[in-house]
Amino acid sequence: MIVNQEVTIDFSADDNDTRIVEWLKENRLEATGLSDLAFTAKVDVVIGDLDEDDIVAAYDKLNKLDDSDMYHVEQAYRRMAEGDVADAMDILFRQFNLAPPQHEQRVAELLSRGRG
């Protein structure tokens, strides 16, 4: 699996890779005079090599819902419970850019029809 990894190199860090230290020497650069270098790299990762806590933390970072988001989720859920699937789907589209496929809307309508 290919993932984007944010990388920051602090040239003055004591624990730098030997390749960084050698590059600094070759180019006669003083580490303390350089700003950090930050970039994004594509990294090939085997899912089995990742710690479960790291996966959860990364997911939470990417998909964290704030209070405003939760308000809209609750409103959409309420509309579905009331049988107003079209309005619920409209809320999800407007707030989360989720335009539901027709089959998902039909499933939601079937589920909400059973209540009443």
N, C-alpha and C. Protein backbone atom coordinates (compact mmCIF):
# COMPACT_ATOMS: atom_id res chain seq x y z
N MET A 1 0.85 -1.16 0.00
CA MET A 1 0.00 0.00 0.00
C MET A 1 0.91 1.23 0.00
N ILE A 2 0.59 2.17 -0.87
CA ILE A 2 1.35 3.42 -0.97
C ILE A 2 0.64 4.48 -0.12
N VAL A 3 1.39 5.13 0.77
CA VAL A 3 0.84 6.20 1.59
C VAL A 3 1.72 7.43 1.47
N ASN A 4 1.13 8.58 1.72
CA ASN A 4 1.90 9.82 1.75
C ASN A 4 2.43 10.00 3.16
N GLN A 5 3.71 10.23 3.28
CA GLN A 5 4.35 10.41 4.58
C GLN A 5 4.97 11.80 4.62
N GLU A 6 4.62 12.55 5.64
CA GLU A 6 5.24 13.86 5.82
C GLU A 6 6.60 13.65 6.50
N VAL A 7 7.63 14.22 5.90
CA VAL A 7 8.99 14.05 6.41
C VAL A 7 9.57 15.43 6.70
N THR A 8 10.18 15.57 7.87
CA THR A 8 10.88 16.81 8.21
C THR A 8 12.29 16.44 8.64
N ILE A 9 13.25 17.09 8.03
CA ILE A 9 14.65 16.86 8.39
C ILE A 9 15.17 18.07 9.14
N ASP A 10 15.57 17.83 10.37
CA ASP A 10 16.21 18.85 11.19
C ASP A 10 17.71 18.60 11.06
N PHE A 11 18.37 19.39 10.26
CA PHE A 11 19.78 19.15 9.96
C PHE A 11 20.66 19.21 11.20
N SER A 12 20.22 19.91 12.22
CA SER A 12 21.05 20.03 13.42
C SER A 12 20.73 18.98 14.49
N ALA A 13 19.85 18.03 14.19
CA ALA A 13 19.51 16.99 15.16
C ALA A 13 20.70 16.06 15.38
N ASP A 14 20.85 15.63 16.63
CA ASP A 14 21.97 14.75 16.98
C ASP A 14 21.82 13.33 16.42
N ASP A 15 20.60 12.93 16.15
CA ASP A 15 20.36 11.55 15.72
C ASP A 15 20.11 11.41 14.22
N ASN A 16 20.65 12.33 13.42
CA ASN A 16 20.46 12.27 11.97
C ASN A 16 21.12 11.04 11.38
N ASP A 17 20.54 10.57 10.30
CA ASP A 17 21.07 9.45 9.53
C ASP A 17 22.48 9.83 9.06
N THR A 18 23.35 8.86 8.96
CA THR A 18 24.73 9.13 8.53
C THR A 18 24.78 9.73 7.13
N ARG A 19 23.81 9.41 6.29
CA ARG A 19 23.80 9.96 4.93
C ARG A 19 23.60 11.48 4.96
N ILE A 20 22.80 11.97 5.90
CA ILE A 20 22.60 13.42 6.02
C ILE A 20 23.88 14.08 6.50
N VAL A 21 24.50 13.48 7.50
CA VAL A 21 25.75 14.02 8.03
C VAL A 21 26.81 14.06 6.95
N GLU A 22 26.93 12.99 6.16
CA GLU A 22 27.92 12.94 5.07
C GLU A 22 27.62 13.99 4.01
N TRP A 23 26.33 14.18 3.68
CA TRP A 23 25.94 15.17 2.68
C TRP A 23 26.33 16.57 3.14
N LEU A 24 26.10 16.85 4.42
CA LEU A 24 26.48 18.16 4.97
C LEU A 24 27.98 18.37 4.86
N LYS A 25 28.76 17.34 5.19
CA LYS A 25 30.23 17.45 5.11
C LYS A 25 30.68 17.65 3.66
N GLU A 26 30.13 16.86 2.74
CA GLU A 26 30.51 16.96 1.33
C GLU A 26 30.25 18.35 0.77
N ASN A 27 29.17 18.96 1.21
CA ASN A 27 28.79 20.27 0.69
C ASN A 27 29.26 21.42 1.58
N ARG A 28 30.05 21.08 2.59
CA ARG A 28 30.62 22.06 3.50
C ARG A 28 29.56 23.01 4.06
N LEU A 29 28.48 22.37 4.55
CA LEU A 29 27.37 23.14 5.12
C LEU A 29 27.36 22.99 6.63
N GLU A 30 27.03 24.06 7.30
CA GLU A 30 26.91 24.06 8.76
C GLU A 30 25.46 23.78 9.10
N ALA A 31 25.21 22.69 9.80
CA ALA A 31 23.85 22.25 10.11
C ALA A 31 23.05 23.30 10.87
N THR A 32 23.69 24.00 11.78
CA THR A 32 22.96 24.98 12.60
C THR A 32 22.47 26.17 11.78
N GLY A 33 23.05 26.39 10.62
CA GLY A 33 22.64 27.51 9.78
C GLY A 33 21.54 27.17 8.79
N LEU A 34 21.10 25.92 8.78
CA LEU A 34 20.08 25.50 7.82
C LEU A 34 18.71 25.38 8.46
N SER A 35 17.70 25.78 7.72
CA SER A 35 16.32 25.59 8.17
C SER A 35 15.94 24.12 8.00
N ASP A 36 14.90 23.72 8.71
CA ASP A 36 14.39 22.36 8.53
C ASP A 36 13.88 22.20 7.11
N LEU A 37 13.99 21.00 6.60
CA LEU A 37 13.49 20.67 5.28
C LEU A 37 12.26 19.78 5.47
N ALA A 38 11.10 20.22 4.96
CA ALA A 38 9.87 19.45 5.09
C ALA A 38 9.32 19.13 3.70
N PHE A 39 8.90 17.88 3.52
CA PHE A 39 8.33 17.46 2.25
C PHE A 39 7.45 16.24 2.47
N THR A 40 6.67 15.91 1.45
CA THR A 40 5.82 14.73 1.49
C THR A 40 6.39 13.71 0.51
N ALA A 41 6.51 12.47 0.97
CA ALA A 41 7.03 11.41 0.13
C ALA A 41 6.03 10.26 0.06
N LYS A 42 5.98 9.60 -1.07
CA LYS A 42 5.15 8.41 -1.21
C LYS A 42 5.98 7.22 -0.70
N VAL A 43 5.39 6.48 0.23
CA VAL A 43 6.10 5.38 0.86
C VAL A 43 5.29 4.10 0.68
N ASP A 44 5.97 3.02 0.32
CA ASP A 44 5.31 1.72 0.19
C ASP A 44 5.33 1.05 1.56
N VAL A 45 4.14 0.78 2.10
CA VAL A 45 4.02 0.25 3.46
C VAL A 45 3.25 -1.07 3.41
N VAL A 46 3.73 -2.03 4.17
CA VAL A 46 3.01 -3.29 4.36
C VAL A 46 2.15 -3.11 5.60
N ILE A 47 0.84 -3.30 5.45
CA ILE A 47 -0.09 -3.01 6.54
C ILE A 47 0.28 -3.78 7.81
N GLY A 48 0.83 -4.96 7.67
CA GLY A 48 1.23 -5.76 8.83
C GLY A 48 2.37 -5.16 9.62
N ASP A 49 3.11 -4.25 9.01
CA ASP A 49 4.23 -3.60 9.69
C ASP A 49 3.79 -2.44 10.58
N LEU A 50 2.53 -2.03 10.44
CA LEU A 50 2.04 -0.89 11.20
C LEU A 50 1.45 -1.34 12.53
N ASP A 51 1.67 -0.52 13.54
CA ASP A 51 1.11 -0.77 14.86
C ASP A 51 -0.36 -0.35 14.85
N GLU A 52 -1.21 -1.11 15.53
CA GLU A 52 -2.65 -0.81 15.56
C GLU A 52 -2.92 0.60 16.06
N ASP A 53 -2.20 1.04 17.09
CA ASP A 53 -2.39 2.39 17.62
C ASP A 53 -2.04 3.46 16.60
N ASP A 54 -1.01 3.20 15.79
CA ASP A 54 -0.63 4.16 14.74
C ASP A 54 -1.72 4.27 13.68
N ILE A 55 -2.34 3.15 13.34
CA ILE A 55 -3.42 3.15 12.34
C ILE A 55 -4.60 3.95 12.87
N VAL A 56 -4.98 3.70 14.12
CA VAL A 56 -6.11 4.41 14.72
C VAL A 56 -5.81 5.90 14.80
N ALA A 57 -4.60 6.26 15.21
CA ALA A 57 -4.22 7.68 15.32
C ALA A 57 -4.26 8.37 13.96
N ALA A 58 -3.75 7.70 12.93
CA ALA A 58 -3.77 8.28 11.58
C ALA A 58 -5.19 8.44 11.08
N TYR A 59 -6.03 7.44 11.32
CA TYR A 59 -7.43 7.53 10.90
C TYR A 59 -8.13 8.69 11.61
N ASP A 60 -7.92 8.79 12.92
CA ASP A 60 -8.53 9.87 13.69
C ASP A 60 -8.08 11.24 13.19
N LYS A 61 -6.80 11.35 12.86
CA LYS A 61 -6.27 12.62 12.37
C LYS A 61 -6.92 13.02 11.05
N LEU A 62 -7.13 12.04 10.18
CA LEU A 62 -7.71 12.33 8.87
C LEU A 62 -9.22 12.48 8.90
N ASN A 63 -9.87 11.83 9.83
CA ASN A 63 -11.33 11.76 9.81
C ASN A 63 -12.00 12.29 11.06
N LYS A 64 -11.30 13.11 11.80
CA LYS A 64 -11.85 13.63 13.05
C LYS A 64 -13.02 14.55 12.75
N LEU A 65 -14.14 14.28 13.40
CA LEU A 65 -15.31 15.14 13.27
C LEU A 65 -15.33 16.11 14.43
N ASP A 66 -15.57 17.39 14.13
CA ASP A 66 -15.68 18.35 15.22
C ASP A 66 -17.15 18.51 15.61
N ASP A 67 -17.42 19.38 16.58
CA ASP A 67 -18.79 19.55 17.08
C ASP A 67 -19.75 19.98 15.98
N SER A 68 -19.30 20.84 15.08
CA SER A 68 -20.15 21.29 13.98
C SER A 68 -20.51 20.11 13.07
N ASP A 69 -19.52 19.26 12.78
CA ASP A 69 -19.78 18.08 11.96
C ASP A 69 -20.79 17.16 12.64
N MET A 70 -20.61 16.95 13.94
CA MET A 70 -21.52 16.06 14.67
C MET A 70 -22.94 16.61 14.65
N TYR A 71 -23.10 17.91 14.71
CA TYR A 71 -24.43 18.51 14.64
C TYR A 71 -25.10 18.11 13.33
N HIS A 72 -24.37 18.21 12.22
CA HIS A 72 -24.93 17.90 10.91
C HIS A 72 -25.21 16.41 10.77
N VAL A 73 -24.35 15.57 11.33
CA VAL A 73 -24.60 14.13 11.31
C VAL A 73 -25.88 13.82 12.07
N GLU A 74 -26.05 14.44 13.23
CA GLU A 74 -27.26 14.22 14.02
C GLU A 74 -28.50 14.70 13.28
N GLN A 75 -28.38 15.84 12.58
CA GLN A 75 -29.52 16.35 11.82
C GLN A 75 -29.89 15.40 10.68
N ALA A 76 -28.88 14.88 9.99
CA ALA A 76 -29.15 13.94 8.91
C ALA A 76 -29.78 12.66 9.46
N TYR A 77 -29.27 12.18 10.57
CA TYR A 77 -29.82 10.97 11.21
C TYR A 77 -31.27 11.20 11.62
N ARG A 78 -31.54 12.36 12.17
CA ARG A 78 -32.91 12.70 12.59
C ARG A 78 -33.85 12.73 11.39
N ARG A 79 -33.39 13.36 10.28
CA ARG A 79 -34.23 13.42 9.08
C ARG A 79 -34.54 12.02 8.56
N MET A 80 -33.53 11.14 8.61
CA MET A 80 -33.77 9.77 8.16
C MET A 80 -34.78 9.08 9.07
N ALA A 81 -34.65 9.27 10.37
CA ALA A 81 -35.57 8.66 11.32
C ALA A 81 -36.99 9.16 11.10
N GLU A 82 -37.11 10.41 10.67
CA GLU A 82 -38.43 10.99 10.39
C GLU A 82 -38.94 10.61 9.01
N GLY A 83 -38.13 9.88 8.24
CA GLY A 83 -38.55 9.45 6.91
C GLY A 83 -38.26 10.44 5.82
N ASP A 84 -37.53 11.52 6.12
CA ASP A 84 -37.20 12.53 5.12
C ASP A 84 -35.78 12.27 4.60
N VAL A 85 -35.67 11.20 3.83
CA VAL A 85 -34.36 10.77 3.33
C VAL A 85 -33.75 11.80 2.39
N ALA A 86 -34.58 12.41 1.56
CA ALA A 86 -34.04 13.40 0.61
C ALA A 86 -33.36 14.55 1.34
N ASP A 87 -33.97 15.04 2.42
CA ASP A 87 -33.36 16.12 3.19
C ASP A 87 -32.09 15.64 3.89
N ALA A 88 -32.12 14.42 4.41
CA ALA A 88 -30.94 13.86 5.06
C ALA A 88 -29.77 13.77 4.07
N MET A 89 -30.06 13.30 2.87
CA MET A 89 -29.01 13.18 1.85
C MET A 89 -28.51 14.56 1.43
N ASP A 90 -29.42 15.55 1.40
CA ASP A 90 -29.03 16.92 1.07
C ASP A 90 -28.08 17.48 2.13
N ILE A 91 -28.36 17.22 3.40
CA ILE A 91 -27.48 17.67 4.49
C ILE A 91 -26.10 17.04 4.33
N LEU A 92 -26.06 15.73 4.08
CA LEU A 92 -24.77 15.05 3.92
C LEU A 92 -24.00 15.58 2.71
N PHE A 93 -24.74 15.89 1.64
CA PHE A 93 -24.09 16.43 0.45
C PHE A 93 -23.51 17.82 0.73
N ARG A 94 -24.32 18.70 1.33
CA ARG A 94 -23.88 20.07 1.58
C ARG A 94 -22.73 20.14 2.57
N GLN A 95 -22.80 19.38 3.65
CA GLN A 95 -21.81 19.51 4.73
C GLN A 95 -20.56 18.67 4.52
N PHE A 96 -20.70 17.51 3.87
CA PHE A 96 -19.57 16.59 3.75
C PHE A 96 -19.22 16.25 2.31
N ASN A 97 -19.91 16.90 1.37
CA ASN A 97 -19.69 16.64 -0.05
C ASN A 97 -19.92 15.17 -0.39
N LEU A 98 -20.90 14.56 0.27
CA LEU A 98 -21.24 13.16 0.01
C LEU A 98 -22.52 13.10 -0.83
N ALA A 99 -22.36 12.96 -2.09
CA ALA A 99 -23.52 12.80 -2.96
C ALA A 99 -23.81 11.30 -3.02
N PRO A 100 -24.88 10.87 -2.40
CA PRO A 100 -25.12 9.43 -2.30
C PRO A 100 -25.57 8.82 -3.62
N PRO A 101 -25.07 7.64 -3.93
CA PRO A 101 -25.58 6.91 -5.11
C PRO A 101 -27.05 6.56 -4.88
N GLN A 102 -27.76 6.38 -5.93
CA GLN A 102 -29.20 6.10 -5.84
C GLN A 102 -29.49 4.86 -5.01
N HIS A 103 -28.69 3.81 -5.11
CA HIS A 103 -28.99 2.59 -4.35
C HIS A 103 -28.88 2.84 -2.85
N GLU A 104 -27.97 3.72 -2.41
CA GLU A 104 -27.87 4.03 -0.99
C GLU A 104 -29.10 4.79 -0.52
N GLN A 105 -29.60 5.70 -1.36
CA GLN A 105 -30.79 6.44 -0.99
C GLN A 105 -31.99 5.49 -0.92
N ARG A 106 -32.06 4.54 -1.83
CA ARG A 106 -33.17 3.57 -1.80
C ARG A 106 -33.11 2.71 -0.54
N VAL A 107 -31.92 2.28 -0.15
CA VAL A 107 -31.78 1.49 1.08
C VAL A 107 -32.23 2.32 2.28
N ALA A 108 -31.81 3.58 2.32
CA ALA A 108 -32.22 4.45 3.43
C ALA A 108 -33.73 4.63 3.45
N GLU A 109 -34.34 4.77 2.28
CA GLU A 109 -35.80 4.92 2.21
C GLU A 109 -36.49 3.65 2.68
N LEU A 110 -35.96 2.48 2.29
CA LEU A 110 -36.55 1.22 2.74
C LEU A 110 -36.46 1.09 4.25
N LEU A 111 -35.31 1.45 4.80
CA LEU A 111 -35.13 1.35 6.25
C LEU A 111 -36.05 2.31 7.00
N SER A 112 -36.20 3.51 6.47
CA SER A 112 -37.03 4.49 7.18
C SER A 112 -38.53 4.21 6.99
N ARG A 113 -38.92 3.48 5.95
CA ARG A 113 -40.32 3.15 5.71
C ARG A 113 -40.86 2.20 6.78
N GLY A 114 -39.99 1.35 7.30
CA GLY A 114 -40.42 0.38 8.30
C GLY A 114 -40.79 1.00 9.62
N ARG A 115 -40.49 2.26 9.80
CA ARG A 115 -40.78 2.96 11.06
C ARG A 115 -42.03 3.81 10.87
N GLY A 116 -42.89 3.75 11.82
CA GLY A 116 -43.99 4.66 11.66
C GLY A 116 -45.26 4.18 12.24
